[in-house]
Amino acid sequence: MNRKFSSMLCMILASFVLLAGCGNSGNSANGASPANSNTPQASQASPAAEPSPSGSAEAAASGGTRKVSTALGEVEVPANPQRIIVNWYVGDVFTLGLKPAAYSGWAQKTMPFFDKFEGVPAIEKWEPEELLKYDPDLIITYDPQDFDKLSKIAPVIVVPEGDVKTTERLAFLGEATGRTAEARAAIQTFESKLAEAKKKLTSDIFRDKTFSVLQDWGGDSYGVMYETGSRGGTLLYEYLGLNKPEKLQQLVDSSGKGRDSLSYEVAAQYFGDYVLWFLTEGKDSEFAQTEIWKSIPAVRDGHIVDIPGEYIGLFYYSDVASMTAQLDHIMDKLLALSK
């Protein structure tokens, strides 16, 4: 994590907790708050334009702004942005109850927020001349290079991918856009489900088991790809705290690659006790037709969780809404295997 940004998050977290405590002292019975460690105070509104936690009509009407401390410095943004353009973090924007003016990404029917894409144009080319067409008042991106490239068009908030946890990013963007209540609600739902899942995964059935995320791309293509971030890897390893097989962990550590290909000849060595096995839509797994497949313990024990190709959208992003839906799907499948 960027040290400067990490230190800044810790400092603003402390102030946010104090403010939240004062503001909720009369409503503690409702218990509506996310995990303390993942809710940084990301913005600092001026007294003349201080918004409510979920934005305010008054701030918008007065043309109010707030100052947001980002990884690349302080940025002045609209208090209640109306025309957001977002690159990659579109799930966060939808979760905050905001409809972007345009997005750069991918839409697919099994994404939990698929219906929210309706009426929102997809950006064909993430370049200044293309973005100007949408007259944005705020740009949200993962790429630090966009800060200088796009700041003349509109204020740019950069959250470098991997610099903060997914829940921290949503809390940060909620503060930056005046949507703290929406961010809190989504994080609380996710973390509540996460706690329940962890209880089940530490039961006798799953305790000390290893988990792999693998996809068969075909013997004439990439072979079997392992994943540690995409395809639900962020949820499994970072949030659920599940273990990779020792050989896979060694490979990741030595290569520095969280995603790479494995030949059919060696792929079996990287299967965990349980496997999320991603399939290509409309195509059977070639590897599952080999003799090697039959010898894999996870296959013999019935511990393969097939993810049909049409569900790839569900596992495409790693935002809070996507991980919440992924968690429901994975736990249903794992618990069904244990019966």
C-alpha atoms as a PDB file:
ATOM      1  CA  MET A   1       0.000   0.000   0.000  1.00  0.00           C
ATOM      2  CA  ASN A   2       1.143   3.535  -0.751  1.00  0.00           C
ATOM      3  CA  ARG A   3       2.593   4.552   2.647  1.00  0.00           C
ATOM      4  CA  LYS A   4       1.480   8.144   2.406  1.00  0.00           C
ATOM      5  CA  PHE A   5      -2.091   7.180   1.568  1.00  0.00           C
ATOM      6  CA  SER A   6      -2.125   4.438   4.225  1.00  0.00           C
ATOM      7  CA  SER A   7      -0.979   6.835   6.960  1.00  0.00           C
ATOM      8  CA  MET A   8      -3.503   9.389   5.834  1.00  0.00           C
ATOM      9  CA  LEU A   9      -6.324   6.831   6.017  1.00  0.00           C
ATOM     10  CA  CYS A  10      -5.363   5.945   9.573  1.00  0.00           C
ATOM     11  CA  MET A  11      -5.396   9.605  10.635  1.00  0.00           C
ATOM     12  CA  ILE A  12      -8.718  10.418   9.038  1.00  0.00           C
ATOM     13  CA  LEU A  13     -10.199   7.192  10.362  1.00  0.00           C
ATOM     14  CA  ALA A  14      -9.635   8.378  13.924  1.00  0.00           C
ATOM     15  CA  SER A  15     -11.439  11.649  13.291  1.00  0.00           C
ATOM     16  CA  PHE A  16     -14.294   9.893  11.509  1.00  0.00           C
ATOM     17  CA  VAL A  17     -14.855   7.490  14.407  1.00  0.00           C
ATOM     18  CA  LEU A  18     -15.064  10.425  16.821  1.00  0.00           C
ATOM     19  CA  LEU A  19     -17.510  12.273  14.593  1.00  0.00           C
ATOM     20  CA  ALA A  20     -19.588   9.159  14.014  1.00  0.00           C
ATOM     21  CA  GLY A  21     -19.720   8.496  17.746  1.00  0.00           C
ATOM     22  CA  CYS A  22     -21.021  11.999  18.437  1.00  0.00           C
ATOM     23  CA  GLY A  23     -23.549  11.867  15.640  1.00  0.00           C
ATOM     24  CA  ASN A  24     -24.924   8.439  16.624  1.00  0.00           C
ATOM     25  CA  SER A  25     -24.938   8.797  20.406  1.00  0.00           C
ATOM     26  CA  GLY A  26     -28.730   9.091  20.429  1.00  0.00           C
ATOM     27  CA  ASN A  27     -29.295   6.259  17.935  1.00  0.00           C
ATOM     28  CA  SER A  28     -27.027   3.507  19.213  1.00  0.00           C
ATOM     29  CA  ALA A  29     -29.993   1.171  19.575  1.00  0.00           C
ATOM     30  CA  ASN A  30     -30.343   1.025  15.815  1.00  0.00           C
ATOM     31  CA  GLY A  31     -26.811  -0.347  15.450  1.00  0.00           C
ATOM     32  CA  ALA A  32     -26.458   0.971  11.870  1.00  0.00           C
ATOM     33  CA  SER A  33     -22.706   1.253  11.453  1.00  0.00           C
ATOM     34  CA  PRO A  34     -20.046  -0.627   9.493  1.00  0.00           C
ATOM     35  CA  ALA A  35     -16.869  -2.148  10.917  1.00  0.00           C
ATOM     36  CA  ASN A  36     -14.819   0.627  12.479  1.00  0.00           C
ATOM     37  CA  SER A  37     -11.538  -0.391  10.892  1.00  0.00           C
ATOM     38  CA  ASN A  38     -12.864  -0.043   7.354  1.00  0.00           C
ATOM     39  CA  THR A  39     -14.556   3.343   7.452  1.00  0.00           C
ATOM     40  CA  PRO A  40     -12.032   6.132   6.803  1.00  0.00           C
ATOM     41  CA  GLN A  41     -12.953   9.791   6.844  1.00  0.00           C
ATOM     42  CA  ALA A  42     -12.069  10.660   3.259  1.00  0.00           C
ATOM     43  CA  SER A  43     -13.282  14.229   2.888  1.00  0.00           C
ATOM     44  CA  GLN A  44     -13.162  17.545   4.640  1.00  0.00           C
ATOM     45  CA  ALA A  45     -16.084  19.824   3.748  1.00  0.00           C
ATOM     46  CA  SER A  46     -15.866  23.573   4.192  1.00  0.00           C
ATOM     47  CA  PRO A  47     -18.258  24.984   6.843  1.00  0.00           C
ATOM     48  CA  ALA A  48     -20.217  26.858   4.191  1.00  0.00           C
ATOM     49  CA  ALA A  49     -20.914  23.722   2.178  1.00  0.00           C
ATOM     50  CA  GLU A  50     -20.954  20.857   4.673  1.00  0.00           C
ATOM     51  CA  PRO A  51     -23.236  18.108   3.342  1.00  0.00           C
ATOM     52  CA  SER A  52     -25.313  15.556   5.215  1.00  0.00           C
ATOM     53  CA  PRO A  53     -23.913  11.986   5.238  1.00  0.00           C
ATOM     54  CA  SER A  54     -25.789  11.097   2.047  1.00  0.00           C
ATOM     55  CA  GLY A  55     -25.509  14.455   0.287  1.00  0.00           C
ATOM     56  CA  SER A  56     -27.913  17.399   0.495  1.00  0.00           C
ATOM     57  CA  ALA A  57     -30.024  19.427  -1.897  1.00  0.00           C
ATOM     58  CA  GLU A  58     -28.884  22.596  -0.151  1.00  0.00           C
ATOM     59  CA  ALA A  59     -25.216  21.884  -0.852  1.00  0.00           C
ATOM     60  CA  ALA A  60     -25.938  21.053  -4.470  1.00  0.00           C
ATOM     61  CA  ALA A  61     -28.125  24.121  -4.959  1.00  0.00           C
ATOM     62  CA  SER A  62     -25.456  26.416  -3.561  1.00  0.00           C
ATOM     63  CA  GLY A  63     -22.787  24.842  -5.738  1.00  0.00           C
ATOM     64  CA  GLY A  64     -20.998  23.597  -2.642  1.00  0.00           C
ATOM     65  CA  THR A  65     -17.782  21.643  -2.786  1.00  0.00           C
ATOM     66  CA  ARG A  66     -15.680  19.554  -0.454  1.00  0.00           C
ATOM     67  CA  LYS A  67     -11.974  18.860  -0.336  1.00  0.00           C
ATOM     68  CA  VAL A  68     -10.912  15.234  -0.608  1.00  0.00           C
ATOM     69  CA  SER A  69      -7.480  13.968   0.367  1.00  0.00           C
ATOM     70  CA  THR A  70      -6.369  11.413  -2.218  1.00  0.00           C
ATOM     71  CA  ALA A  71      -3.225   9.440  -2.969  1.00  0.00           C
ATOM     72  CA  LEU A  72      -2.185  12.230  -5.334  1.00  0.00           C
ATOM     73  CA  GLY A  73      -3.056  15.181  -3.143  1.00  0.00           C
ATOM     74  CA  GLU A  74      -6.057  17.258  -2.155  1.00  0.00           C
ATOM     75  CA  VAL A  75      -8.862  17.558  -4.720  1.00  0.00           C
ATOM     76  CA  GLU A  76     -11.854  19.882  -4.592  1.00  0.00           C
ATOM     77  CA  VAL A  77     -14.975  18.039  -5.747  1.00  0.00           C
ATOM     78  CA  PRO A  78     -18.713  18.830  -6.007  1.00  0.00           C
ATOM     79  CA  ALA A  79     -20.543  18.286  -2.728  1.00  0.00           C
ATOM     80  CA  ASN A  80     -23.240  16.355  -4.573  1.00  0.00           C
ATOM     81  CA  PRO A  81     -21.842  15.251  -7.960  1.00  0.00           C
ATOM     82  CA  GLN A  82     -24.380  14.762 -10.713  1.00  0.00           C
ATOM     83  CA  ARG A  83     -22.321  13.595 -13.698  1.00  0.00           C
ATOM     84  CA  ILE A  84     -19.748  11.055 -12.553  1.00  0.00           C
ATOM     85  CA  ILE A  85     -17.580   9.176 -14.998  1.00  0.00           C
ATOM     86  CA  VAL A  86     -16.036   6.049 -13.542  1.00  0.00           C
ATOM     87  CA  ASN A  87     -13.324   3.656 -14.658  1.00  0.00           C
ATOM     88  CA  TRP A  88     -13.464   0.115 -13.190  1.00  0.00           C
ATOM     89  CA  TYR A  89     -15.097   1.083  -9.872  1.00  0.00           C
ATOM     90  CA  VAL A  90     -18.569   1.227 -11.415  1.00  0.00           C
ATOM     91  CA  GLY A  91     -19.902  -1.250  -8.823  1.00  0.00           C
ATOM     92  CA  ASP A  92     -18.923   1.134  -6.019  1.00  0.00           C
ATOM     93  CA  VAL A  93     -20.695   4.030  -7.723  1.00  0.00           C
ATOM     94  CA  PHE A  94     -23.881   1.983  -8.165  1.00  0.00           C
ATOM     95  CA  THR A  95     -23.692   0.786  -4.545  1.00  0.00           C
ATOM     96  CA  LEU A  96     -23.559   4.402  -3.373  1.00  0.00           C
ATOM     97  CA  GLY A  97     -26.878   5.025  -5.105  1.00  0.00           C
ATOM     98  CA  LEU A  98     -25.322   7.125  -7.850  1.00  0.00           C
ATOM     99  CA  LYS A  99     -26.048   6.824 -11.566  1.00  0.00           C
ATOM    100  CA  PRO A 100     -22.899   7.632 -13.538  1.00  0.00           C
ATOM    101  CA  ALA A 101     -22.999   9.715 -16.689  1.00  0.00           C
ATOM    102  CA  ALA A 102     -20.864   7.010 -18.336  1.00  0.00           C
ATOM    103  CA  TYR A 103     -18.604   4.131 -17.348  1.00  0.00           C
ATOM    104  CA  SER A 104     -15.612   2.206 -18.620  1.00  0.00           C
ATOM    105  CA  GLY A 105     -15.996  -1.477 -17.863  1.00  0.00           C
ATOM    106  CA  TRP A 106     -18.127  -4.477 -18.676  1.00  0.00           C
ATOM    107  CA  ALA A 107     -21.785  -5.277 -18.027  1.00  0.00           C
ATOM    108  CA  GLN A 108     -23.126  -8.815 -17.759  1.00  0.00           C
ATOM    109  CA  LYS A 109     -26.452 -10.227 -16.611  1.00  0.00           C
ATOM    110  CA  THR A 110     -25.201 -12.053 -13.491  1.00  0.00           C
ATOM    111  CA  MET A 111     -23.647  -8.944 -11.964  1.00  0.00           C
ATOM    112  CA  PRO A 112     -25.700  -7.996  -8.869  1.00  0.00           C
ATOM    113  CA  PHE A 113     -26.167  -4.449 -10.165  1.00  0.00           C
ATOM    114  CA  PHE A 114     -26.780  -5.357 -13.823  1.00  0.00           C
ATOM    115  CA  ASP A 115     -30.149  -3.558 -13.948  1.00  0.00           C
ATOM    116  CA  LYS A 116     -28.443  -0.297 -12.975  1.00  0.00           C
ATOM    117  CA  PHE A 117     -26.479  -0.218 -16.232  1.00  0.00           C
ATOM    118  CA  GLU A 118     -29.674   0.578 -18.119  1.00  0.00           C
ATOM    119  CA  GLY A 119     -29.437   3.998 -19.713  1.00  0.00           C
ATOM    120  CA  VAL A 120     -25.764   4.457 -18.796  1.00  0.00           C
ATOM    121  CA  PRO A 121     -23.476   4.614 -21.850  1.00  0.00           C
ATOM    122  CA  ALA A 122     -20.289   2.571 -21.961  1.00  0.00           C
ATOM    123  CA  ILE A 123     -17.152   4.531 -22.810  1.00  0.00           C
ATOM    124  CA  GLU A 124     -15.460   3.011 -25.830  1.00  0.00           C
ATOM    125  CA  LYS A 125     -12.106   4.713 -25.363  1.00  0.00           C
ATOM    126  CA  TRP A 126     -10.826   6.097 -22.052  1.00  0.00           C
ATOM    127  CA  GLU A 127      -9.288   9.229 -23.532  1.00  0.00           C
ATOM    128  CA  PRO A 128      -9.858  12.957 -22.848  1.00  0.00           C
ATOM    129  CA  GLU A 129     -11.621  13.673 -26.137  1.00  0.00           C
ATOM    130  CA  GLU A 130     -14.049  10.817 -25.492  1.00  0.00           C
ATOM    131  CA  LEU A 131     -14.742  11.766 -21.859  1.00  0.00           C
ATOM    132  CA  LEU A 132     -15.461  15.387 -22.812  1.00  0.00           C
ATOM    133  CA  LYS A 133     -18.603  14.187 -24.603  1.00  0.00           C
ATOM    134  CA  TYR A 134     -20.213  13.361 -21.247  1.00  0.00           C
ATOM    135  CA  ASP A 135     -19.560  16.732 -19.564  1.00  0.00           C
ATOM    136  CA  PRO A 136     -18.460  15.140 -16.250  1.00  0.00           C
ATOM    137  CA  ASP A 137     -18.332  16.998 -12.941  1.00  0.00           C
ATOM    138  CA  LEU A 138     -16.270  14.209 -11.294  1.00  0.00           C
ATOM    139  CA  ILE A 139     -14.011  11.439 -12.596  1.00  0.00           C
ATOM    140  CA  ILE A 140     -13.277   8.333 -10.489  1.00  0.00           C
ATOM    141  CA  THR A 141     -10.441   6.052 -11.616  1.00  0.00           C
ATOM    142  CA  TYR A 142      -7.849   3.505 -10.513  1.00  0.00           C
ATOM    143  CA  ASP A 143      -5.067   4.832 -12.745  1.00  0.00           C
ATOM    144  CA  PRO A 144      -2.677   7.480 -11.285  1.00  0.00           C
ATOM    145  CA  GLN A 145      -1.806   8.601 -14.817  1.00  0.00           C
ATOM    146  CA  ASP A 146      -5.368   9.865 -15.213  1.00  0.00           C
ATOM    147  CA  PHE A 147      -4.807  12.585 -12.620  1.00  0.00           C
ATOM    148  CA  ASP A 148      -2.717  14.824 -14.838  1.00  0.00           C
ATOM    149  CA  LYS A 149      -4.309  13.638 -18.065  1.00  0.00           C
ATOM    150  CA  LEU A 150      -7.930  14.311 -17.087  1.00  0.00           C
ATOM    151  CA  SER A 151      -7.855  17.034 -14.392  1.00  0.00           C
ATOM    152  CA  LYS A 152      -8.523  19.758 -16.961  1.00  0.00           C
ATOM    153  CA  ILE A 153     -11.855  18.104 -17.775  1.00  0.00           C
ATOM    154  CA  ALA A 154     -13.164  17.631 -14.221  1.00  0.00           C
ATOM    155  CA  PRO A 155     -11.896  16.900 -10.679  1.00  0.00           C
ATOM    156  CA  VAL A 156     -10.238  13.469 -10.612  1.00  0.00           C
ATOM    157  CA  ILE A 157     -10.298  11.062  -7.654  1.00  0.00           C
ATOM    158  CA  VAL A 158      -7.664   8.353  -8.011  1.00  0.00           C
ATOM    159  CA  VAL A 159      -7.752   5.233  -5.827  1.00  0.00           C
ATOM    160  CA  PRO A 160      -4.887   3.044  -7.087  1.00  0.00           C
ATOM    161  CA  GLU A 161      -5.975  -0.570  -7.282  1.00  0.00           C
ATOM    162  CA  GLY A 162      -4.488  -2.587  -4.433  1.00  0.00           C
ATOM    163  CA  ASP A 163      -3.603   0.442  -2.299  1.00  0.00           C
ATOM    164  CA  VAL A 164      -6.626   0.019  -0.020  1.00  0.00           C
ATOM    165  CA  LYS A 165      -8.994  -2.808   0.820  1.00  0.00           C
ATOM    166  CA  THR A 166     -12.274  -2.998  -1.069  1.00  0.00           C
ATOM    167  CA  THR A 167     -14.342  -1.990   1.938  1.00  0.00           C
ATOM    168  CA  GLU A 168     -12.013   0.929   2.645  1.00  0.00           C
ATOM    169  CA  ARG A 169     -12.354   2.092  -0.937  1.00  0.00           C
ATOM    170  CA  LEU A 170     -16.150   2.106  -0.773  1.00  0.00           C
ATOM    171  CA  ALA A 171     -16.087   4.042   2.514  1.00  0.00           C
ATOM    172  CA  PHE A 172     -13.609   6.506   0.994  1.00  0.00           C
ATOM    173  CA  LEU A 173     -15.718   7.055  -2.130  1.00  0.00           C
ATOM    174  CA  GLY A 174     -18.838   7.362   0.025  1.00  0.00           C
ATOM    175  CA  GLU A 175     -17.231  10.211   1.937  1.00  0.00           C
ATOM    176  CA  ALA A 176     -15.916  11.795  -1.250  1.00  0.00           C
ATOM    177  CA  THR A 177     -19.353  11.854  -2.906  1.00  0.00           C
ATOM    178  CA  GLY A 178     -21.467  12.614   0.168  1.00  0.00           C
ATOM    179  CA  ARG A 179     -22.838   9.067   0.361  1.00  0.00           C
ATOM    180  CA  THR A 180     -21.552   7.809   3.693  1.00  0.00           C
ATOM    181  CA  ALA A 181     -24.879   6.270   4.725  1.00  0.00           C
ATOM    182  CA  GLU A 182     -25.057   4.168   1.585  1.00  0.00           C
ATOM    183  CA  ALA A 183     -21.461   3.029   1.992  1.00  0.00           C
ATOM    184  CA  ARG A 184     -22.033   2.117   5.635  1.00  0.00           C
ATOM    185  CA  ALA A 185     -25.142   0.070   4.850  1.00  0.00           C
ATOM    186  CA  ALA A 186     -23.421  -1.928   2.106  1.00  0.00           C
ATOM    187  CA  ILE A 187     -20.319  -2.600   4.199  1.00  0.00           C
ATOM    188  CA  GLN A 188     -22.392  -3.631   7.197  1.00  0.00           C
ATOM    189  CA  THR A 189     -24.389  -6.127   5.106  1.00  0.00           C
ATOM    190  CA  PHE A 190     -21.218  -7.602   3.625  1.00  0.00           C
ATOM    191  CA  GLU A 191     -19.356  -7.868   6.912  1.00  0.00           C
ATOM    192  CA  SER A 192     -22.340  -9.412   8.672  1.00  0.00           C
ATOM    193  CA  LYS A 193     -22.531 -12.131   6.009  1.00  0.00           C
ATOM    194  CA  LEU A 194     -18.770 -12.503   6.121  1.00  0.00           C
ATOM    195  CA  ALA A 195     -18.815 -13.168   9.861  1.00  0.00           C
ATOM    196  CA  GLU A 196     -21.468 -15.861   9.439  1.00  0.00           C
ATOM    197  CA  ALA A 197     -19.529 -17.488   6.591  1.00  0.00           C
ATOM    198  CA  LYS A 198     -16.325 -17.555   8.648  1.00  0.00           C
ATOM    199  CA  LYS A 199     -18.117 -19.408  11.435  1.00  0.00           C
ATOM    200  CA  LYS A 200     -19.223 -22.088   8.991  1.00  0.00           C
ATOM    201  CA  LEU A 201     -15.823 -22.332   7.326  1.00  0.00           C
ATOM    202  CA  THR A 202     -14.089 -22.966  10.655  1.00  0.00           C
ATOM    203  CA  SER A 203     -16.359 -25.917  11.375  1.00  0.00           C
ATOM    204  CA  ASP A 204     -14.984 -29.474  11.412  1.00  0.00           C
ATOM    205  CA  ILE A 205     -15.887 -29.921   7.737  1.00  0.00           C
ATOM    206  CA  PHE A 206     -13.798 -27.048   6.372  1.00  0.00           C
ATOM    207  CA  ARG A 207     -11.218 -26.426   9.094  1.00  0.00           C
ATOM    208  CA  ASP A 208      -7.619 -26.382   7.786  1.00  0.00           C
ATOM    209  CA  LYS A 209      -8.730 -27.074   4.204  1.00  0.00           C
ATOM    210  CA  THR A 210      -7.098 -25.394   1.224  1.00  0.00           C
ATOM    211  CA  PHE A 211      -8.893 -23.651  -1.620  1.00  0.00           C
ATOM    212  CA  SER A 212      -7.949 -22.995  -5.232  1.00  0.00           C
ATOM    213  CA  VAL A 213      -9.519 -20.759  -7.869  1.00  0.00           C
ATOM    214  CA  LEU A 214      -8.865 -22.299 -11.289  1.00  0.00           C
ATOM    215  CA  GLN A 215     -10.151 -21.945 -14.840  1.00  0.00           C
ATOM    216  CA  ASP A 216      -9.688 -24.250 -17.819  1.00  0.00           C
ATOM    217  CA  TRP A 217      -8.901 -22.270 -20.964  1.00  0.00           C
ATOM    218  CA  GLY A 218      -8.130 -25.321 -23.075  1.00  0.00           C
ATOM    219  CA  GLY A 219      -4.999 -27.301 -23.826  1.00  0.00           C
ATOM    220  CA  ASP A 220      -4.262 -25.314 -26.988  1.00  0.00           C
ATOM    221  CA  SER A 221      -4.704 -21.985 -25.156  1.00  0.00           C
ATOM    222  CA  TYR A 222      -3.541 -21.093 -21.637  1.00  0.00           C
ATOM    223  CA  GLY A 223      -4.158 -24.485 -20.094  1.00  0.00           C
ATOM    224  CA  VAL A 224      -5.397 -24.071 -16.503  1.00  0.00           C
ATOM    225  CA  MET A 225      -5.158 -20.569 -15.044  1.00  0.00           C
ATOM    226  CA  TYR A 226      -4.864 -20.013 -11.305  1.00  0.00           C
ATOM    227  CA  GLU A 227      -6.334 -16.844  -9.759  1.00  0.00           C
ATOM    228  CA  THR A 228      -5.743 -15.155  -6.413  1.00  0.00           C
ATOM    229  CA  GLY A 229      -7.513 -11.814  -6.881  1.00  0.00           C
ATOM    230  CA  SER A 230      -9.937 -12.111  -9.764  1.00  0.00           C
ATOM    231  CA  ARG A 231     -12.661 -14.787 -10.020  1.00  0.00           C
ATOM    232  CA  GLY A 232     -13.513 -14.494  -6.322  1.00  0.00           C
ATOM    233  CA  GLY A 233      -9.896 -14.708  -5.150  1.00  0.00           C
ATOM    234  CA  THR A 234     -10.088 -11.415  -3.248  1.00  0.00           C
ATOM    235  CA  LEU A 235     -13.082 -12.704  -1.322  1.00  0.00           C
ATOM    236  CA  LEU A 236     -11.615 -16.143  -0.570  1.00  0.00           C
ATOM    237  CA  TYR A 237      -8.092 -15.193   0.421  1.00  0.00           C
ATOM    238  CA  GLU A 238      -8.264 -11.595   1.640  1.00  0.00           C
ATOM    239  CA  TYR A 239     -11.650 -11.489   3.362  1.00  0.00           C
ATOM    240  CA  LEU A 240     -12.487 -15.083   4.276  1.00  0.00           C
ATOM    241  CA  GLY A 241      -8.842 -15.802   5.096  1.00  0.00           C
ATOM    242  CA  LEU A 242      -8.849 -19.207   3.378  1.00  0.00           C
ATOM    243  CA  ASN A 243      -5.571 -20.934   2.593  1.00  0.00           C
ATOM    244  CA  LYS A 244      -4.049 -21.700  -0.781  1.00  0.00           C
ATOM    245  CA  PRO A 245      -2.454 -25.121  -1.328  1.00  0.00           C
ATOM    246  CA  GLU A 246       1.192 -24.980  -0.205  1.00  0.00           C
ATOM    247  CA  LYS A 247       2.523 -25.510  -3.735  1.00  0.00           C
ATOM    248  CA  LEU A 248       0.323 -22.732  -5.110  1.00  0.00           C
ATOM    249  CA  GLN A 249       1.387 -20.368  -2.336  1.00  0.00           C
ATOM    250  CA  GLN A 250       5.038 -21.107  -3.105  1.00  0.00           C
ATOM    251  CA  LEU A 251       4.443 -20.404  -6.785  1.00  0.00           C
ATOM    252  CA  VAL A 252       2.752 -17.073  -6.065  1.00  0.00           C
ATOM    253  CA  ASP A 253       5.515 -16.067  -3.645  1.00  0.00           C
ATOM    254  CA  SER A 254       8.372 -16.996  -5.979  1.00  0.00           C
ATOM    255  CA  SER A 255       6.862 -15.613  -9.185  1.00  0.00           C
ATOM    256  CA  GLY A 256       5.116 -12.576  -7.743  1.00  0.00           C
ATOM    257  CA  LYS A 257       2.179 -13.393 -10.008  1.00  0.00           C
ATOM    258  CA  GLY A 258      -1.327 -13.621  -8.608  1.00  0.00           C
ATOM    259  CA  ARG A 259      -2.572 -15.040 -11.882  1.00  0.00           C
ATOM    260  CA  ASP A 260      -0.811 -17.269 -14.385  1.00  0.00           C
ATOM    261  CA  SER A 261      -1.149 -20.381 -16.516  1.00  0.00           C
ATOM    262  CA  LEU A 262      -0.416 -23.986 -15.631  1.00  0.00           C
ATOM    263  CA  SER A 263       0.070 -26.735 -18.196  1.00  0.00           C
ATOM    264  CA  TYR A 264      -2.223 -29.747 -18.086  1.00  0.00           C
ATOM    265  CA  GLU A 265       0.788 -31.855 -17.058  1.00  0.00           C
ATOM    266  CA  VAL A 266       1.320 -29.986 -13.766  1.00  0.00           C
ATOM    267  CA  ALA A 267      -2.055 -28.347 -13.026  1.00  0.00           C
ATOM    268  CA  ALA A 268      -3.238 -31.151 -10.727  1.00  0.00           C
ATOM    269  CA  GLN A 269      -0.475 -30.294  -8.256  1.00  0.00           C
ATOM    270  CA  TYR A 270      -2.106 -26.915  -7.573  1.00  0.00           C
ATOM    271  CA  PHE A 271      -5.615 -28.143  -6.758  1.00  0.00           C
ATOM    272  CA  GLY A 272      -6.653 -27.486  -3.162  1.00  0.00           C
ATOM    273  CA  ASP A 273      -8.972 -29.566  -1.011  1.00  0.00           C
ATOM    274  CA  TYR A 274     -11.784 -27.470  -2.508  1.00  0.00           C
ATOM    275  CA  VAL A 275     -11.746 -25.811  -5.914  1.00  0.00           C
ATOM    276  CA  LEU A 276     -13.739 -23.065  -7.581  1.00  0.00           C
ATOM    277  CA  TRP A 277     -13.649 -24.443 -11.127  1.00  0.00           C
ATOM    278  CA  PHE A 278     -14.543 -21.841 -13.753  1.00  0.00           C
ATOM    279  CA  LEU A 279     -15.894 -23.070 -17.061  1.00  0.00           C
ATOM    280  CA  THR A 280     -16.026 -21.368 -20.441  1.00  0.00           C
ATOM    281  CA  GLU A 281     -19.550 -20.624 -21.620  1.00  0.00           C
ATOM    282  CA  GLY A 282     -20.743 -23.138 -24.188  1.00  0.00           C
ATOM    283  CA  LYS A 283     -17.632 -25.306 -23.847  1.00  0.00           C
ATOM    284  CA  ASP A 284     -16.859 -28.396 -21.789  1.00  0.00           C
ATOM    285  CA  SER A 285     -13.607 -28.586 -19.840  1.00  0.00           C
ATOM    286  CA  GLU A 286     -10.920 -30.429 -21.791  1.00  0.00           C
ATOM    287  CA  PHE A 287      -8.915 -31.030 -18.627  1.00  0.00           C
ATOM    288  CA  ALA A 288     -11.895 -32.767 -17.021  1.00  0.00           C
ATOM    289  CA  GLN A 289     -11.750 -35.334 -19.823  1.00  0.00           C
ATOM    290  CA  THR A 290      -8.181 -36.378 -19.035  1.00  0.00           C
ATOM    291  CA  GLU A 291      -7.002 -39.301 -16.931  1.00  0.00           C
ATOM    292  CA  ILE A 292      -5.156 -36.830 -14.680  1.00  0.00           C
ATOM    293  CA  TRP A 293      -8.485 -35.278 -13.668  1.00  0.00           C
ATOM    294  CA  LYS A 294      -9.761 -38.526 -12.220  1.00  0.00           C
ATOM    295  CA  SER A 295      -6.708 -38.832  -9.955  1.00  0.00           C
ATOM    296  CA  ILE A 296      -7.138 -35.432  -8.249  1.00  0.00           C
ATOM    297  CA  PRO A 297      -8.278 -35.822  -4.585  1.00  0.00           C
ATOM    298  CA  ALA A 298     -10.685 -32.864  -4.776  1.00  0.00           C
ATOM    299  CA  VAL A 299     -12.351 -34.499  -7.796  1.00  0.00           C
ATOM    300  CA  ARG A 300     -12.589 -37.912  -6.119  1.00  0.00           C
ATOM    301  CA  ASP A 301     -14.012 -36.351  -2.959  1.00  0.00           C
ATOM    302  CA  GLY A 302     -16.622 -34.322  -4.840  1.00  0.00           C
ATOM    303  CA  HIS A 303     -15.129 -31.003  -3.736  1.00  0.00           C
ATOM    304  CA  ILE A 304     -15.274 -29.210  -7.079  1.00  0.00           C
ATOM    305  CA  VAL A 305     -17.536 -26.152  -7.191  1.00  0.00           C
ATOM    306  CA  ASP A 306     -18.372 -25.674 -10.871  1.00  0.00           C
ATOM    307  CA  ILE A 307     -18.889 -22.059 -11.907  1.00  0.00           C
ATOM    308  CA  PRO A 308     -20.700 -22.134 -15.283  1.00  0.00           C
ATOM    309  CA  GLY A 309     -19.469 -19.722 -17.922  1.00  0.00           C
ATOM    310  CA  GLU A 310     -22.645 -17.648 -17.798  1.00  0.00           C
ATOM    311  CA  TYR A 311     -21.806 -16.703 -14.179  1.00  0.00           C
ATOM    312  CA  ILE A 312     -18.518 -15.037 -15.066  1.00  0.00           C
ATOM    313  CA  GLY A 313     -20.105 -11.607 -14.576  1.00  0.00           C
ATOM    314  CA  LEU A 314     -20.856 -12.421 -10.938  1.00  0.00           C
ATOM    315  CA  PHE A 315     -17.138 -12.983 -10.346  1.00  0.00           C
ATOM    316  CA  TYR A 316     -15.776 -10.254 -12.635  1.00  0.00           C
ATOM    317  CA  TYR A 317     -15.510  -7.352 -10.183  1.00  0.00           C
ATOM    318  CA  SER A 318     -14.299  -7.312  -6.574  1.00  0.00           C
ATOM    319  CA  ASP A 319     -16.384  -4.428  -5.199  1.00  0.00           C
ATOM    320  CA  VAL A 320     -18.474  -4.838  -2.034  1.00  0.00           C
ATOM    321  CA  ALA A 321     -21.742  -5.548  -3.871  1.00  0.00           C
ATOM    322  CA  SER A 322     -20.079  -8.151  -6.100  1.00  0.00           C
ATOM    323  CA  MET A 323     -18.308  -9.846  -3.189  1.00  0.00           C
ATOM    324  CA  THR A 324     -21.552  -9.958  -1.182  1.00  0.00           C
ATOM    325  CA  ALA A 325     -23.266 -11.790  -4.049  1.00  0.00           C
ATOM    326  CA  GLN A 326     -20.217 -14.011  -4.597  1.00  0.00           C
ATOM    327  CA  LEU A 327     -20.236 -14.921  -0.910  1.00  0.00           C
ATOM    328  CA  ASP A 328     -23.874 -16.033  -1.058  1.00  0.00           C
ATOM    329  CA  HIS A 329     -23.217 -18.106  -4.174  1.00  0.00           C
ATOM    330  CA  ILE A 330     -20.023 -19.769  -2.919  1.00  0.00           C
ATOM    331  CA  MET A 331     -21.394 -20.604   0.529  1.00  0.00           C
ATOM    332  CA  ASP A 332     -24.548 -22.161  -0.944  1.00  0.00           C
ATOM    333  CA  LYS A 333     -22.385 -24.363  -3.180  1.00  0.00           C
ATOM    334  CA  LEU A 334     -19.886 -25.334  -0.480  1.00  0.00           C
ATOM    335  CA  LEU A 335     -22.555 -26.177   2.060  1.00  0.00           C
ATOM    336  CA  ALA A 336     -24.382 -28.259  -0.541  1.00  0.00           C
ATOM    337  CA  LEU A 337     -21.188 -30.281  -1.106  1.00  0.00           C
ATOM    338  CA  SER A 338     -20.870 -30.973   2.623  1.00  0.00           C
ATOM    339  CA  LYS A 339     -24.276 -32.620   2.928  1.00  0.00           C
END
